[in-house]
Amino acid sequence: MDDGDRLLTAEQAAGFLGLKVATVRRLTAAGELPVVHPTGRRAVRYRARDLAELTRMRTRPMRQPSTSESARRVRLPEEMAEP
């Protein structure tokens, strides 16, 4: 079996995602995490490949300030007053 097809418990999924188990369960109940029901409705497992794809999709690069933003300066209160 491919490592990506491995099924994880909620505890293992929490470790994989760096979340608390309660958060994984809440996201599951909200339908925000893809799940697999291997033996019926009650048993819930998480496919490692699905969790990896989810983290890849939700990861955003850090925003780099543009040169115009870094060139802006803060106006002091006395500069804001009208002459």
C-alpha atoms as a PDB file:
ATOM      1  CA  MET A   1       0.000   0.000   0.000  1.00  0.00           C
ATOM      2  CA  ASP A   2       1.257   3.479  -0.915  1.00  0.00           C
ATOM      3  CA  ASP A   3       2.168   5.681   2.074  1.00  0.00           C
ATOM      4  CA  GLY A   4      -0.322   8.305   0.813  1.00  0.00           C
ATOM      5  CA  ASP A   5      -3.123   5.741   1.033  1.00  0.00           C
ATOM      6  CA  ARG A   6      -2.397   5.108   4.705  1.00  0.00           C
ATOM      7  CA  LEU A   7      -5.402   5.785   6.943  1.00  0.00           C
ATOM      8  CA  LEU A   8      -4.833   7.859  10.066  1.00  0.00           C
ATOM      9  CA  THR A   9      -6.811   8.130  13.279  1.00  0.00           C
ATOM     10  CA  ALA A  10      -7.900  11.526  14.590  1.00  0.00           C
ATOM     11  CA  GLU A  11      -4.903  11.530  16.931  1.00  0.00           C
ATOM     12  CA  GLN A  12      -2.486  10.758  14.092  1.00  0.00           C
ATOM     13  CA  ALA A  13      -4.149  13.323  11.824  1.00  0.00           C
ATOM     14  CA  ALA A  14      -3.821  15.946  14.563  1.00  0.00           C
ATOM     15  CA  GLY A  15      -0.112  15.203  14.831  1.00  0.00           C
ATOM     16  CA  PHE A  16       0.266  15.344  11.053  1.00  0.00           C
ATOM     17  CA  LEU A  17      -1.520  18.709  10.836  1.00  0.00           C
ATOM     18  CA  GLY A  18      -0.037  20.169  14.007  1.00  0.00           C
ATOM     19  CA  LEU A  19      -3.473  20.639  15.550  1.00  0.00           C
ATOM     20  CA  LYS A  20      -5.193  19.499  18.712  1.00  0.00           C
ATOM     21  CA  VAL A  21      -7.364  16.392  18.449  1.00  0.00           C
ATOM     22  CA  ALA A  22     -10.399  18.463  19.454  1.00  0.00           C
ATOM     23  CA  THR A  23      -9.738  20.818  16.528  1.00  0.00           C
ATOM     24  CA  VAL A  24      -9.523  17.896  14.102  1.00  0.00           C
ATOM     25  CA  ARG A  25     -12.824  16.537  15.407  1.00  0.00           C
ATOM     26  CA  ARG A  26     -14.459  19.985  15.134  1.00  0.00           C
ATOM     27  CA  LEU A  27     -13.215  20.449  11.556  1.00  0.00           C
ATOM     28  CA  THR A  28     -14.467  16.956  10.726  1.00  0.00           C
ATOM     29  CA  ALA A  29     -17.919  17.693  12.124  1.00  0.00           C
ATOM     30  CA  ALA A  30     -17.996  20.936  10.116  1.00  0.00           C
ATOM     31  CA  GLY A  31     -17.119  19.011   6.938  1.00  0.00           C
ATOM     32  CA  GLU A  32     -13.833  20.867   6.459  1.00  0.00           C
ATOM     33  CA  LEU A  33     -11.605  17.779   6.529  1.00  0.00           C
ATOM     34  CA  PRO A  34     -11.879  14.936   4.013  1.00  0.00           C
ATOM     35  CA  VAL A  35     -12.662  11.662   5.779  1.00  0.00           C
ATOM     36  CA  VAL A  36     -12.943   7.976   5.000  1.00  0.00           C
ATOM     37  CA  HIS A  37     -15.437   5.658   6.701  1.00  0.00           C
ATOM     38  CA  PRO A  38     -13.730   2.249   6.377  1.00  0.00           C
ATOM     39  CA  THR A  39     -16.255   0.197   8.357  1.00  0.00           C
ATOM     40  CA  GLY A  40     -19.395   2.282   8.428  1.00  0.00           C
ATOM     41  CA  ARG A  41     -20.645   5.656   9.557  1.00  0.00           C
ATOM     42  CA  ARG A  42     -19.066   5.824  13.005  1.00  0.00           C
ATOM     43  CA  ALA A  43     -15.483   4.899  12.201  1.00  0.00           C
ATOM     44  CA  VAL A  44     -13.641   7.921  10.823  1.00  0.00           C
ATOM     45  CA  ARG A  45     -10.183   7.857   9.299  1.00  0.00           C
ATOM     46  CA  TYR A  46      -8.139  10.419   7.395  1.00  0.00           C
ATOM     47  CA  ARG A  47      -6.141   9.561   4.280  1.00  0.00           C
ATOM     48  CA  ALA A  48      -2.571  10.889   4.589  1.00  0.00           C
ATOM     49  CA  ARG A  49      -2.560  11.976   0.945  1.00  0.00           C
ATOM     50  CA  ASP A  50      -5.760  14.029   1.447  1.00  0.00           C
ATOM     51  CA  LEU A  51      -4.321  15.808   4.487  1.00  0.00           C
ATOM     52  CA  ALA A  52      -1.060  16.553   2.685  1.00  0.00           C
ATOM     53  CA  GLU A  53      -2.974  18.000  -0.279  1.00  0.00           C
ATOM     54  CA  LEU A  54      -5.155  20.060   2.040  1.00  0.00           C
ATOM     55  CA  THR A  55      -2.146  21.586   3.773  1.00  0.00           C
ATOM     56  CA  ARG A  56      -0.530  22.289   0.405  1.00  0.00           C
ATOM     57  CA  MET A  57      -3.681  24.037  -0.836  1.00  0.00           C
ATOM     58  CA  ARG A  58      -4.073  26.124   2.310  1.00  0.00           C
ATOM     59  CA  THR A  59      -0.443  27.142   2.622  1.00  0.00           C
ATOM     60  CA  ARG A  60       0.213  30.640   1.377  1.00  0.00           C
ATOM     61  CA  PRO A  61       3.624  32.173   0.917  1.00  0.00           C
ATOM     62  CA  MET A  62       4.462  34.989   3.289  1.00  0.00           C
ATOM     63  CA  ARG A  63       3.454  38.321   1.828  1.00  0.00           C
ATOM     64  CA  GLN A  64       6.427  40.382   0.795  1.00  0.00           C
ATOM     65  CA  PRO A  65       5.933  44.141   1.164  1.00  0.00           C
ATOM     66  CA  SER A  66       6.138  45.982  -2.107  1.00  0.00           C
ATOM     67  CA  THR A  67       8.734  48.684  -2.532  1.00  0.00           C
ATOM     68  CA  SER A  68       6.033  51.352  -2.414  1.00  0.00           C
ATOM     69  CA  GLU A  69       4.795  50.028   0.951  1.00  0.00           C
ATOM     70  CA  SER A  70       8.264  49.907   2.442  1.00  0.00           C
ATOM     71  CA  ALA A  71       8.961  53.424   1.166  1.00  0.00           C
ATOM     72  CA  ARG A  72       5.895  54.852   2.932  1.00  0.00           C
ATOM     73  CA  ARG A  73       6.584  56.761   6.058  1.00  0.00           C
ATOM     74  CA  VAL A  74       4.368  57.424   9.023  1.00  0.00           C
ATOM     75  CA  ARG A  75       2.992  60.944   9.190  1.00  0.00           C
ATOM     76  CA  LEU A  76       3.450  62.569  12.539  1.00  0.00           C
ATOM     77  CA  PRO A  77       0.473  64.372  14.103  1.00  0.00           C
ATOM     78  CA  GLU A  78       2.011  67.823  13.570  1.00  0.00           C
ATOM     79  CA  GLU A  79       2.461  67.032   9.851  1.00  0.00           C
ATOM     80  CA  MET A  80      -1.203  66.087   9.602  1.00  0.00           C
ATOM     81  CA  ALA A  81      -2.412  69.428  10.931  1.00  0.00           C
ATOM     82  CA  GLU A  82      -3.367  71.963   8.293  1.00  0.00           C
ATOM     83  CA  PRO A  83      -1.142  75.072   8.125  1.00  0.00           C
END
